[in-house]
Amino acid sequence: MIRKRFLLPLLFVLALPLLTEAQIEDDSRGWQFGLNFGFYKPAGYSANYYNGSSGNMNNVKWVMSNFYWYQEIYTKLIAYDTVFVSGLPSNMHYKIAMMPGLYGQYTFNDIYSLLIQFNFMKLKAQDAITFEVDPKPYSTLPDLRMYVIRGEEDRVYIDLGVKRNFPLSRKTSVFAMAGFNLNNTKVKKSSFFVEDKEYSIINIYGSGTYIPGGNTQSYQVYQGGIGFGLFLSGGATFQFGEVVFEPGINAHWLNVDLDGYKKFKPGGGVYIRFLFNNAFGAE
């Protein structure tokens, strides 16, 4: 709420001349379109959706409680007595992701524009799951085996806001942008490995159970959905003929629709934007 109170007045200040008659008359009015390319680091909070804990929708217990999968894992670990999960990650993080995107702005004058942009990411989170094999007496060291546990998701950010330029010269300026974010998340994978075998922890069998060679019905599972938030961005503008080059940084305060991980958290990145002037000609 504090950030909303801060951003709404900022948006009002940035957009104030758009609410009245613009006092700067020039020939720059019209649409501009461009391409974004950048790198982004989301908050690690929602990456724990993939840590396999019992409180998550996708959990390792679901695999380990299946007799057939347990026997596979038991055999792969060359166990003689028993195997159990002794450790799961509690602080997973997303890897830095590439963030290409599409950008459009309606320019009112050299100072103010309205903008919309669509940025796309393929996010990956990875950590380690620990198995204990054939528990030993307390006087000996446990036989612990660590393997990869991971998750993958597609995420789209849609930002809608106001852009304010601060001209430094005829072809150079700095800018600030602020506005609202709408995002969509789709879970692609949540799994762990034991040796060369990957085990998905997404329940595609509903109330049924996996049986090798059986005809248990499986279902297509969709996890994710729509989230929302706020964004801030700033950078510099350099014009070369009809092409505008804009390096910048951006930050978001948003939530994503992953069950159990819907709190608002920050994220940020860097980008380079290429804008093409007079996309449809000046008005």
C-alpha atoms as a PDB file:
ATOM      1  CA  MET A   1       0.000   0.000   0.000  1.00  0.00           C
ATOM      2  CA  ILE A   2       2.899   2.368   0.719  1.00  0.00           C
ATOM      3  CA  ARG A   3       4.207   1.884  -2.786  1.00  0.00           C
ATOM      4  CA  LYS A   4       0.787   2.463  -4.279  1.00  0.00           C
ATOM      5  CA  ARG A   5       0.503   5.756  -2.361  1.00  0.00           C
ATOM      6  CA  PHE A   6       3.899   6.727  -3.740  1.00  0.00           C
ATOM      7  CA  LEU A   7       3.312   5.690  -7.340  1.00  0.00           C
ATOM      8  CA  LEU A   8      -0.194   7.104  -7.854  1.00  0.00           C
ATOM      9  CA  PRO A   9       0.843  10.711  -7.089  1.00  0.00           C
ATOM     10  CA  LEU A  10       3.928  10.174  -9.271  1.00  0.00           C
ATOM     11  CA  LEU A  11       1.744   9.023 -12.144  1.00  0.00           C
ATOM     12  CA  PHE A  12      -0.483  12.056 -11.647  1.00  0.00           C
ATOM     13  CA  VAL A  13       2.490  14.411 -11.803  1.00  0.00           C
ATOM     14  CA  LEU A  14       3.880  12.677 -14.884  1.00  0.00           C
ATOM     15  CA  ALA A  15       0.520  12.680 -16.644  1.00  0.00           C
ATOM     16  CA  LEU A  16      -0.763  16.104 -15.538  1.00  0.00           C
ATOM     17  CA  PRO A  17      -0.095  17.796 -18.883  1.00  0.00           C
ATOM     18  CA  LEU A  18      -2.014  14.978 -20.592  1.00  0.00           C
ATOM     19  CA  LEU A  19      -5.075  15.867 -18.534  1.00  0.00           C
ATOM     20  CA  THR A  20      -4.995  19.471 -19.814  1.00  0.00           C
ATOM     21  CA  GLU A  21      -3.966  21.159 -23.043  1.00  0.00           C
ATOM     22  CA  ALA A  22      -0.332  20.415 -23.848  1.00  0.00           C
ATOM     23  CA  GLN A  23       1.595  23.664 -23.983  1.00  0.00           C
ATOM     24  CA  ILE A  24       4.434  22.301 -26.092  1.00  0.00           C
ATOM     25  CA  GLU A  25       3.540  22.292 -29.755  1.00  0.00           C
ATOM     26  CA  ASP A  26       5.746  20.324 -32.153  1.00  0.00           C
ATOM     27  CA  ASP A  27       5.567  17.801 -34.972  1.00  0.00           C
ATOM     28  CA  SER A  28       6.420  14.725 -32.894  1.00  0.00           C
ATOM     29  CA  ARG A  29       2.850  13.646 -32.143  1.00  0.00           C
ATOM     30  CA  GLY A  30       2.061  10.081 -33.211  1.00  0.00           C
ATOM     31  CA  TRP A  31       2.796   6.413 -32.657  1.00  0.00           C
ATOM     32  CA  GLN A  32       6.235   4.893 -32.240  1.00  0.00           C
ATOM     33  CA  PHE A  33       6.953   1.185 -32.004  1.00  0.00           C
ATOM     34  CA  GLY A  34      10.035  -0.719 -31.000  1.00  0.00           C
ATOM     35  CA  LEU A  35      11.742  -3.817 -29.691  1.00  0.00           C
ATOM     36  CA  ASN A  36      13.033  -4.515 -26.188  1.00  0.00           C
ATOM     37  CA  PHE A  37      15.874  -6.799 -25.267  1.00  0.00           C
ATOM     38  CA  GLY A  38      17.046  -7.235 -21.710  1.00  0.00           C
ATOM     39  CA  PHE A  39      17.771  -9.378 -18.693  1.00  0.00           C
ATOM     40  CA  TYR A  40      15.496  -9.732 -15.674  1.00  0.00           C
ATOM     41  CA  LYS A  41      15.737 -11.135 -12.148  1.00  0.00           C
ATOM     42  CA  PRO A  42      12.342 -11.818 -10.502  1.00  0.00           C
ATOM     43  CA  ALA A  43      11.912 -12.107  -6.748  1.00  0.00           C
ATOM     44  CA  GLY A  44      12.966 -15.537  -5.492  1.00  0.00           C
ATOM     45  CA  TYR A  45       9.904 -15.805  -3.245  1.00  0.00           C
ATOM     46  CA  SER A  46       7.699 -17.593  -5.805  1.00  0.00           C
ATOM     47  CA  ALA A  47      10.592 -19.849  -6.892  1.00  0.00           C
ATOM     48  CA  ASN A  48       9.862 -21.866  -3.742  1.00  0.00           C
ATOM     49  CA  TYR A  49       6.727 -23.045  -5.517  1.00  0.00           C
ATOM     50  CA  TYR A  50       9.100 -25.619  -7.048  1.00  0.00           C
ATOM     51  CA  ASN A  51      10.893 -26.811  -3.883  1.00  0.00           C
ATOM     52  CA  GLY A  52       8.728 -29.918  -3.481  1.00  0.00           C
ATOM     53  CA  SER A  53       7.686 -29.277   0.122  1.00  0.00           C
ATOM     54  CA  SER A  54       4.568 -30.956   1.513  1.00  0.00           C
ATOM     55  CA  GLY A  55       2.693 -27.670   1.712  1.00  0.00           C
ATOM     56  CA  ASN A  56       3.035 -27.043  -2.033  1.00  0.00           C
ATOM     57  CA  MET A  57       0.595 -28.121  -4.702  1.00  0.00           C
ATOM     58  CA  ASN A  58       3.465 -30.025  -6.349  1.00  0.00           C
ATOM     59  CA  ASN A  59       5.336 -32.023  -3.716  1.00  0.00           C
ATOM     60  CA  VAL A  60       7.987 -34.735  -3.588  1.00  0.00           C
ATOM     61  CA  LYS A  61       5.875 -36.764  -1.165  1.00  0.00           C
ATOM     62  CA  TRP A  62       3.428 -37.493  -3.995  1.00  0.00           C
ATOM     63  CA  VAL A  63       6.183 -39.292  -5.926  1.00  0.00           C
ATOM     64  CA  MET A  64       7.768 -41.034  -2.917  1.00  0.00           C
ATOM     65  CA  SER A  65       4.397 -42.402  -1.769  1.00  0.00           C
ATOM     66  CA  ASN A  66       3.899 -44.193  -5.083  1.00  0.00           C
ATOM     67  CA  PHE A  67       5.074 -47.800  -4.682  1.00  0.00           C
ATOM     68  CA  TYR A  68       6.434 -48.134  -8.235  1.00  0.00           C
ATOM     69  CA  TRP A  69       8.332 -44.845  -8.305  1.00  0.00           C
ATOM     70  CA  TYR A  70       9.727 -45.546  -4.838  1.00  0.00           C
ATOM     71  CA  GLN A  71      11.021 -48.940  -6.008  1.00  0.00           C
ATOM     72  CA  GLU A  72      12.672 -47.299  -9.030  1.00  0.00           C
ATOM     73  CA  ILE A  73      14.405 -44.754  -6.816  1.00  0.00           C
ATOM     74  CA  TYR A  74      15.359 -47.476  -4.301  1.00  0.00           C
ATOM     75  CA  THR A  75      16.994 -49.466  -7.103  1.00  0.00           C
ATOM     76  CA  LYS A  76      18.783 -46.495  -8.671  1.00  0.00           C
ATOM     77  CA  LEU A  77      20.307 -45.582  -5.308  1.00  0.00           C
ATOM     78  CA  ILE A  78      21.393 -49.227  -4.741  1.00  0.00           C
ATOM     79  CA  ALA A  79      19.686 -49.281  -1.360  1.00  0.00           C
ATOM     80  CA  TYR A  80      19.435 -52.357   0.880  1.00  0.00           C
ATOM     81  CA  ASP A  81      17.041 -51.121   3.538  1.00  0.00           C
ATOM     82  CA  THR A  82      15.194 -47.865   2.902  1.00  0.00           C
ATOM     83  CA  VAL A  83      15.371 -44.474   1.216  1.00  0.00           C
ATOM     84  CA  PHE A  84      13.786 -41.234   2.339  1.00  0.00           C
ATOM     85  CA  VAL A  85      13.979 -37.517   1.596  1.00  0.00           C
ATOM     86  CA  SER A  86      16.059 -35.829   4.276  1.00  0.00           C
ATOM     87  CA  GLY A  87      16.241 -32.314   2.874  1.00  0.00           C
ATOM     88  CA  LEU A  88      14.444 -29.901   0.556  1.00  0.00           C
ATOM     89  CA  PRO A  89      15.498 -26.355  -0.373  1.00  0.00           C
ATOM     90  CA  SER A  90      13.797 -23.501   1.444  1.00  0.00           C
ATOM     91  CA  ASN A  91      15.246 -20.502  -0.387  1.00  0.00           C
ATOM     92  CA  MET A  92      15.157 -21.169  -4.117  1.00  0.00           C
ATOM     93  CA  HIS A  93      15.887 -18.435  -6.647  1.00  0.00           C
ATOM     94  CA  TYR A  94      15.204 -17.838 -10.310  1.00  0.00           C
ATOM     95  CA  LYS A  95      18.130 -17.630 -12.677  1.00  0.00           C
ATOM     96  CA  ILE A  96      18.564 -14.351 -14.520  1.00  0.00           C
ATOM     97  CA  ALA A  97      16.426 -14.620 -17.651  1.00  0.00           C
ATOM     98  CA  MET A  98      16.544 -13.031 -21.085  1.00  0.00           C
ATOM     99  CA  MET A  99      13.591 -10.689 -21.617  1.00  0.00           C
ATOM    100  CA  PRO A 100      12.670  -9.817 -25.217  1.00  0.00           C
ATOM    101  CA  GLY A 101       9.623  -7.682 -25.808  1.00  0.00           C
ATOM    102  CA  LEU A 102       7.469  -5.405 -27.946  1.00  0.00           C
ATOM    103  CA  TYR A 103       6.983  -1.719 -27.198  1.00  0.00           C
ATOM    104  CA  GLY A 104       4.615   0.992 -28.347  1.00  0.00           C
ATOM    105  CA  GLN A 105       4.085   4.604 -27.312  1.00  0.00           C
ATOM    106  CA  TYR A 106       1.795   7.408 -28.367  1.00  0.00           C
ATOM    107  CA  THR A 107       3.845  10.595 -28.269  1.00  0.00           C
ATOM    108  CA  PHE A 108       1.992  13.830 -27.485  1.00  0.00           C
ATOM    109  CA  ASN A 109       5.069  16.039 -27.686  1.00  0.00           C
ATOM    110  CA  ASP A 110       8.786  15.930 -26.918  1.00  0.00           C
ATOM    111  CA  ILE A 111       7.997  15.570 -23.211  1.00  0.00           C
ATOM    112  CA  TYR A 112       5.035  13.227 -22.677  1.00  0.00           C
ATOM    113  CA  SER A 113       3.925   9.863 -24.033  1.00  0.00           C
ATOM    114  CA  LEU A 114       1.601   7.026 -23.126  1.00  0.00           C
ATOM    115  CA  LEU A 115       3.173   3.576 -23.415  1.00  0.00           C
ATOM    116  CA  ILE A 116       2.382  -0.106 -23.526  1.00  0.00           C
ATOM    117  CA  GLN A 117       4.906  -2.929 -23.632  1.00  0.00           C
ATOM    118  CA  PHE A 118       4.836  -6.724 -23.674  1.00  0.00           C
ATOM    119  CA  ASN A 119       7.885  -8.545 -22.281  1.00  0.00           C
ATOM    120  CA  PHE A 120       8.411 -12.307 -22.296  1.00  0.00           C
ATOM    121  CA  MET A 121      10.534 -14.560 -20.059  1.00  0.00           C
ATOM    122  CA  LYS A 122      11.309 -18.243 -19.647  1.00  0.00           C
ATOM    123  CA  LEU A 123      12.192 -18.618 -15.976  1.00  0.00           C
ATOM    124  CA  LYS A 124      14.141 -21.443 -14.361  1.00  0.00           C
ATOM    125  CA  ALA A 125      14.685 -22.224 -10.682  1.00  0.00           C
ATOM    126  CA  GLN A 126      17.056 -24.956  -9.536  1.00  0.00           C
ATOM    127  CA  ASP A 127      18.391 -26.285  -6.236  1.00  0.00           C
ATOM    128  CA  ALA A 128      19.126 -29.631  -4.561  1.00  0.00           C
ATOM    129  CA  ILE A 129      17.032 -32.381  -2.997  1.00  0.00           C
ATOM    130  CA  THR A 130      18.766 -34.669  -0.469  1.00  0.00           C
ATOM    131  CA  PHE A 131      18.072 -38.396   0.006  1.00  0.00           C
ATOM    132  CA  GLU A 132      19.316 -40.503   2.883  1.00  0.00           C
ATOM    133  CA  VAL A 133      20.042 -44.100   1.898  1.00  0.00           C
ATOM    134  CA  ASP A 134      20.011 -47.017   4.367  1.00  0.00           C
ATOM    135  CA  PRO A 135      20.082 -45.001   7.619  1.00  0.00           C
ATOM    136  CA  LYS A 136      23.104 -46.000   9.723  1.00  0.00           C
ATOM    137  CA  PRO A 137      23.608 -46.125  13.488  1.00  0.00           C
ATOM    138  CA  TYR A 138      24.174 -42.717  15.066  1.00  0.00           C
ATOM    139  CA  SER A 139      27.906 -43.364  15.412  1.00  0.00           C
ATOM    140  CA  THR A 140      28.446 -43.403  11.631  1.00  0.00           C
ATOM    141  CA  LEU A 141      28.030 -40.743   8.985  1.00  0.00           C
ATOM    142  CA  PRO A 142      24.750 -40.894   7.035  1.00  0.00           C
ATOM    143  CA  ASP A 143      24.775 -41.819   3.347  1.00  0.00           C
ATOM    144  CA  LEU A 144      23.385 -38.641   1.802  1.00  0.00           C
ATOM    145  CA  ARG A 145      22.808 -38.214  -1.933  1.00  0.00           C
ATOM    146  CA  MET A 146      22.009 -34.841  -3.495  1.00  0.00           C
ATOM    147  CA  TYR A 147      20.190 -34.384  -6.798  1.00  0.00           C
ATOM    148  CA  VAL A 148      18.692 -31.561  -8.812  1.00  0.00           C
ATOM    149  CA  ILE A 149      15.183 -30.267  -8.109  1.00  0.00           C
ATOM    150  CA  ARG A 150      13.887 -27.638 -10.493  1.00  0.00           C
ATOM    151  CA  GLY A 151      11.018 -25.718 -11.986  1.00  0.00           C
ATOM    152  CA  GLU A 152      10.358 -23.894 -15.239  1.00  0.00           C
ATOM    153  CA  GLU A 153       7.695 -21.354 -16.146  1.00  0.00           C
ATOM    154  CA  ASP A 154       6.732 -18.923 -18.887  1.00  0.00           C
ATOM    155  CA  ARG A 155       5.886 -15.416 -17.793  1.00  0.00           C
ATOM    156  CA  VAL A 156       4.530 -12.402 -19.700  1.00  0.00           C
ATOM    157  CA  TYR A 157       4.584  -8.837 -18.349  1.00  0.00           C
ATOM    158  CA  ILE A 158       2.242  -6.208 -19.793  1.00  0.00           C
ATOM    159  CA  ASP A 159       3.105  -2.683 -18.638  1.00  0.00           C
ATOM    160  CA  LEU A 160       0.820   0.290 -19.268  1.00  0.00           C
ATOM    161  CA  GLY A 161       1.897   3.739 -18.164  1.00  0.00           C
ATOM    162  CA  VAL A 162       3.220   7.245 -18.730  1.00  0.00           C
ATOM    163  CA  LYS A 163       6.638   8.282 -20.034  1.00  0.00           C
ATOM    164  CA  ARG A 164       8.215  11.631 -19.175  1.00  0.00           C
ATOM    165  CA  ASN A 165      11.246  12.875 -21.131  1.00  0.00           C
ATOM    166  CA  PHE A 166      13.808  15.360 -19.833  1.00  0.00           C
ATOM    167  CA  PRO A 167      15.595  16.729 -22.928  1.00  0.00           C
ATOM    168  CA  LEU A 168      19.334  17.361 -22.661  1.00  0.00           C
ATOM    169  CA  SER A 169      19.914  18.270 -26.296  1.00  0.00           C
ATOM    170  CA  ARG A 170      18.180  17.957 -29.650  1.00  0.00           C
ATOM    171  CA  LYS A 171      18.939  14.246 -29.905  1.00  0.00           C
ATOM    172  CA  THR A 172      19.567  13.226 -26.295  1.00  0.00           C
ATOM    173  CA  SER A 173      17.369  13.020 -23.222  1.00  0.00           C
ATOM    174  CA  VAL A 174      16.725  11.035 -20.082  1.00  0.00           C
ATOM    175  CA  PHE A 175      13.317   9.613 -19.220  1.00  0.00           C
ATOM    176  CA  ALA A 176      11.194   8.152 -16.436  1.00  0.00           C
ATOM    177  CA  MET A 177       8.263   5.758 -16.838  1.00  0.00           C
ATOM    178  CA  ALA A 178       5.669   4.590 -14.327  1.00  0.00           C
ATOM    179  CA  GLY A 179       2.432   2.657 -14.477  1.00  0.00           C
ATOM    180  CA  PHE A 180       0.578  -0.577 -13.910  1.00  0.00           C
ATOM    181  CA  ASN A 181       1.537  -4.170 -14.613  1.00  0.00           C
ATOM    182  CA  LEU A 182      -0.553  -7.146 -15.638  1.00  0.00           C
ATOM    183  CA  ASN A 183       1.262 -10.478 -15.808  1.00  0.00           C
ATOM    184  CA  ASN A 184       0.538 -14.069 -16.746  1.00  0.00           C
ATOM    185  CA  THR A 185       2.441 -17.094 -15.445  1.00  0.00           C
ATOM    186  CA  LYS A 186       2.292 -20.644 -16.805  1.00  0.00           C
ATOM    187  CA  VAL A 187       4.090 -23.522 -15.070  1.00  0.00           C
ATOM    188  CA  LYS A 188       5.934 -25.693 -17.576  1.00  0.00           C
ATOM    189  CA  LYS A 189       7.824 -28.121 -15.334  1.00  0.00           C
ATOM    190  CA  SER A 190       8.280 -29.051 -11.667  1.00  0.00           C
ATOM    191  CA  SER A 191      10.500 -32.085 -11.103  1.00  0.00           C
ATOM    192  CA  PHE A 192      13.538 -33.680  -9.505  1.00  0.00           C
ATOM    193  CA  PHE A 193      16.198 -36.088 -10.726  1.00  0.00           C
ATOM    194  CA  VAL A 194      17.555 -39.349  -9.343  1.00  0.00           C
ATOM    195  CA  GLU A 195      20.563 -40.406 -11.376  1.00  0.00           C
ATOM    196  CA  ASP A 196      19.444 -40.203 -15.033  1.00  0.00           C
ATOM    197  CA  LYS A 197      15.688 -40.273 -14.355  1.00  0.00           C
ATOM    198  CA  GLU A 198      13.524 -37.180 -14.053  1.00  0.00           C
ATOM    199  CA  TYR A 199      10.406 -37.408 -11.861  1.00  0.00           C
ATOM    200  CA  SER A 200       7.659 -34.841 -12.383  1.00  0.00           C
ATOM    201  CA  ILE A 201       5.909 -33.811  -9.168  1.00  0.00           C
ATOM    202  CA  ILE A 202       2.903 -32.364 -11.012  1.00  0.00           C
ATOM    203  CA  ASN A 203      -0.041 -34.643 -10.344  1.00  0.00           C
ATOM    204  CA  ILE A 204      -1.483 -35.480 -13.764  1.00  0.00           C
ATOM    205  CA  TYR A 205      -3.489 -38.472 -12.464  1.00  0.00           C
ATOM    206  CA  GLY A 206      -5.939 -36.692 -10.178  1.00  0.00           C
ATOM    207  CA  SER A 207      -7.320 -39.200  -7.690  1.00  0.00           C
ATOM    208  CA  GLY A 208      -5.717 -42.058  -9.650  1.00  0.00           C
ATOM    209  CA  THR A 209      -2.188 -43.392  -9.335  1.00  0.00           C
ATOM    210  CA  TYR A 210       0.710 -44.218 -11.622  1.00  0.00           C
ATOM    211  CA  ILE A 211       1.048 -47.905 -12.545  1.00  0.00           C
ATOM    212  CA  PRO A 212       3.723 -48.943 -15.087  1.00  0.00           C
ATOM    213  CA  GLY A 213       2.023 -50.183 -18.245  1.00  0.00           C
ATOM    214  CA  GLY A 214      -1.375 -49.413 -16.731  1.00  0.00           C
ATOM    215  CA  ASN A 215      -4.192 -47.418 -18.280  1.00  0.00           C
ATOM    216  CA  THR A 216      -4.643 -44.848 -15.520  1.00  0.00           C
ATOM    217  CA  GLN A 217      -6.159 -41.756 -17.077  1.00  0.00           C
ATOM    218  CA  SER A 218      -3.936 -38.687 -17.102  1.00  0.00           C
ATOM    219  CA  TYR A 219      -5.034 -35.068 -17.376  1.00  0.00           C
ATOM    220  CA  GLN A 220      -3.587 -31.873 -18.779  1.00  0.00           C
ATOM    221  CA  VAL A 221      -2.792 -29.690 -15.782  1.00  0.00           C
ATOM    222  CA  TYR A 222      -2.633 -25.898 -16.006  1.00  0.00           C
ATOM    223  CA  GLN A 223      -0.932 -24.081 -13.143  1.00  0.00           C
ATOM    224  CA  GLY A 224      -0.511 -20.321 -13.013  1.00  0.00           C
ATOM    225  CA  GLY A 225      -2.676 -17.398 -14.004  1.00  0.00           C
ATOM    226  CA  ILE A 226      -3.017 -13.612 -13.887  1.00  0.00           C
ATOM    227  CA  GLY A 227      -1.235 -11.315 -11.448  1.00  0.00           C
ATOM    228  CA  PHE A 228      -0.862  -7.536 -11.248  1.00  0.00           C
ATOM    229  CA  GLY A 229       1.292  -4.792  -9.805  1.00  0.00           C
ATOM    230  CA  LEU A 230       3.217  -1.595 -10.509  1.00  0.00           C
ATOM    231  CA  PHE A 231       6.337  -0.682 -12.447  1.00  0.00           C
ATOM    232  CA  LEU A 232       8.973   2.061 -12.553  1.00  0.00           C
ATOM    233  CA  SER A 233      11.637   2.540 -15.198  1.00  0.00           C
ATOM    234  CA  GLY A 234      14.280   5.035 -16.218  1.00  0.00           C
ATOM    235  CA  GLY A 235      16.957   5.457 -18.833  1.00  0.00           C
ATOM    236  CA  ALA A 236      18.479   7.595 -21.551  1.00  0.00           C
ATOM    237  CA  THR A 237      17.441   8.316 -25.135  1.00  0.00           C
ATOM    238  CA  PHE A 238      19.852   8.669 -28.061  1.00  0.00           C
ATOM    239  CA  GLN A 239      18.493   9.449 -31.531  1.00  0.00           C
ATOM    240  CA  PHE A 240      20.314   8.413 -34.704  1.00  0.00           C
ATOM    241  CA  GLY A 241      18.269   9.429 -37.729  1.00  0.00           C
ATOM    242  CA  GLU A 242      14.952   7.599 -37.626  1.00  0.00           C
ATOM    243  CA  VAL A 243      16.127   5.089 -34.986  1.00  0.00           C
ATOM    244  CA  VAL A 244      16.087   5.787 -31.246  1.00  0.00           C
ATOM    245  CA  PHE A 245      18.307   3.826 -28.883  1.00  0.00           C
ATOM    246  CA  GLU A 246      17.184   3.623 -25.216  1.00  0.00           C
ATOM    247  CA  PRO A 247      19.219   1.767 -22.555  1.00  0.00           C
ATOM    248  CA  GLY A 248      17.459   1.605 -19.197  1.00  0.00           C
ATOM    249  CA  ILE A 249      16.602  -0.158 -15.959  1.00  0.00           C
ATOM    250  CA  ASN A 250      13.195  -1.285 -14.729  1.00  0.00           C
ATOM    251  CA  ALA A 251      11.644  -2.432 -11.468  1.00  0.00           C
ATOM    252  CA  HIS A 252       8.347  -4.112 -10.624  1.00  0.00           C
ATOM    253  CA  TRP A 253       6.345  -4.593  -7.444  1.00  0.00           C
ATOM    254  CA  LEU A 254       3.843  -7.328  -8.241  1.00  0.00           C
ATOM    255  CA  ASN A 255       2.307 -10.656  -7.405  1.00  0.00           C
ATOM    256  CA  VAL A 256       2.069 -13.753  -9.588  1.00  0.00           C
ATOM    257  CA  ASP A 257      -0.688 -16.343  -9.565  1.00  0.00           C
ATOM    258  CA  LEU A 258       1.146 -19.354  -8.116  1.00  0.00           C
ATOM    259  CA  ASP A 259      -0.829 -21.134  -5.418  1.00  0.00           C
ATOM    260  CA  GLY A 260       0.580 -20.350  -1.966  1.00  0.00           C
ATOM    261  CA  TYR A 261       3.001 -17.694  -3.295  1.00  0.00           C
ATOM    262  CA  LYS A 262       0.862 -14.673  -4.141  1.00  0.00           C
ATOM    263  CA  LYS A 263       2.461 -11.965  -2.001  1.00  0.00           C
ATOM    264  CA  PHE A 264       3.694  -8.776  -3.664  1.00  0.00           C
ATOM    265  CA  LYS A 265       7.451  -8.863  -4.198  1.00  0.00           C
ATOM    266  CA  PRO A 266      10.013  -6.777  -6.153  1.00  0.00           C
ATOM    267  CA  GLY A 267      11.947  -7.680  -9.271  1.00  0.00           C
ATOM    268  CA  GLY A 268      14.147  -5.775 -11.667  1.00  0.00           C
ATOM    269  CA  GLY A 269      16.348  -5.797 -14.721  1.00  0.00           C
ATOM    270  CA  VAL A 270      18.134  -3.915 -17.468  1.00  0.00           C
ATOM    271  CA  TYR A 271      17.195  -3.479 -21.113  1.00  0.00           C
ATOM    272  CA  ILE A 272      17.991  -1.900 -24.449  1.00  0.00           C
ATOM    273  CA  ARG A 273      15.122  -0.574 -26.557  1.00  0.00           C
ATOM    274  CA  PHE A 274      15.152   0.249 -30.274  1.00  0.00           C
ATOM    275  CA  LEU A 275      12.408   2.689 -31.312  1.00  0.00           C
ATOM    276  CA  PHE A 276      11.513   3.496 -34.893  1.00  0.00           C
ATOM    277  CA  ASN A 277      10.289   7.041 -35.468  1.00  0.00           C
ATOM    278  CA  ASN A 278       7.285   7.946 -37.593  1.00  0.00           C
ATOM    279  CA  ALA A 279       5.972   4.389 -37.681  1.00  0.00           C
ATOM    280  CA  PHE A 280       2.726   5.667 -39.207  1.00  0.00           C
ATOM    281  CA  GLY A 281       3.830   9.184 -39.888  1.00  0.00           C
ATOM    282  CA  ALA A 282       3.283  12.273 -37.791  1.00  0.00           C
ATOM    283  CA  GLU A 283      -0.147  13.725 -37.367  1.00  0.00           C
END
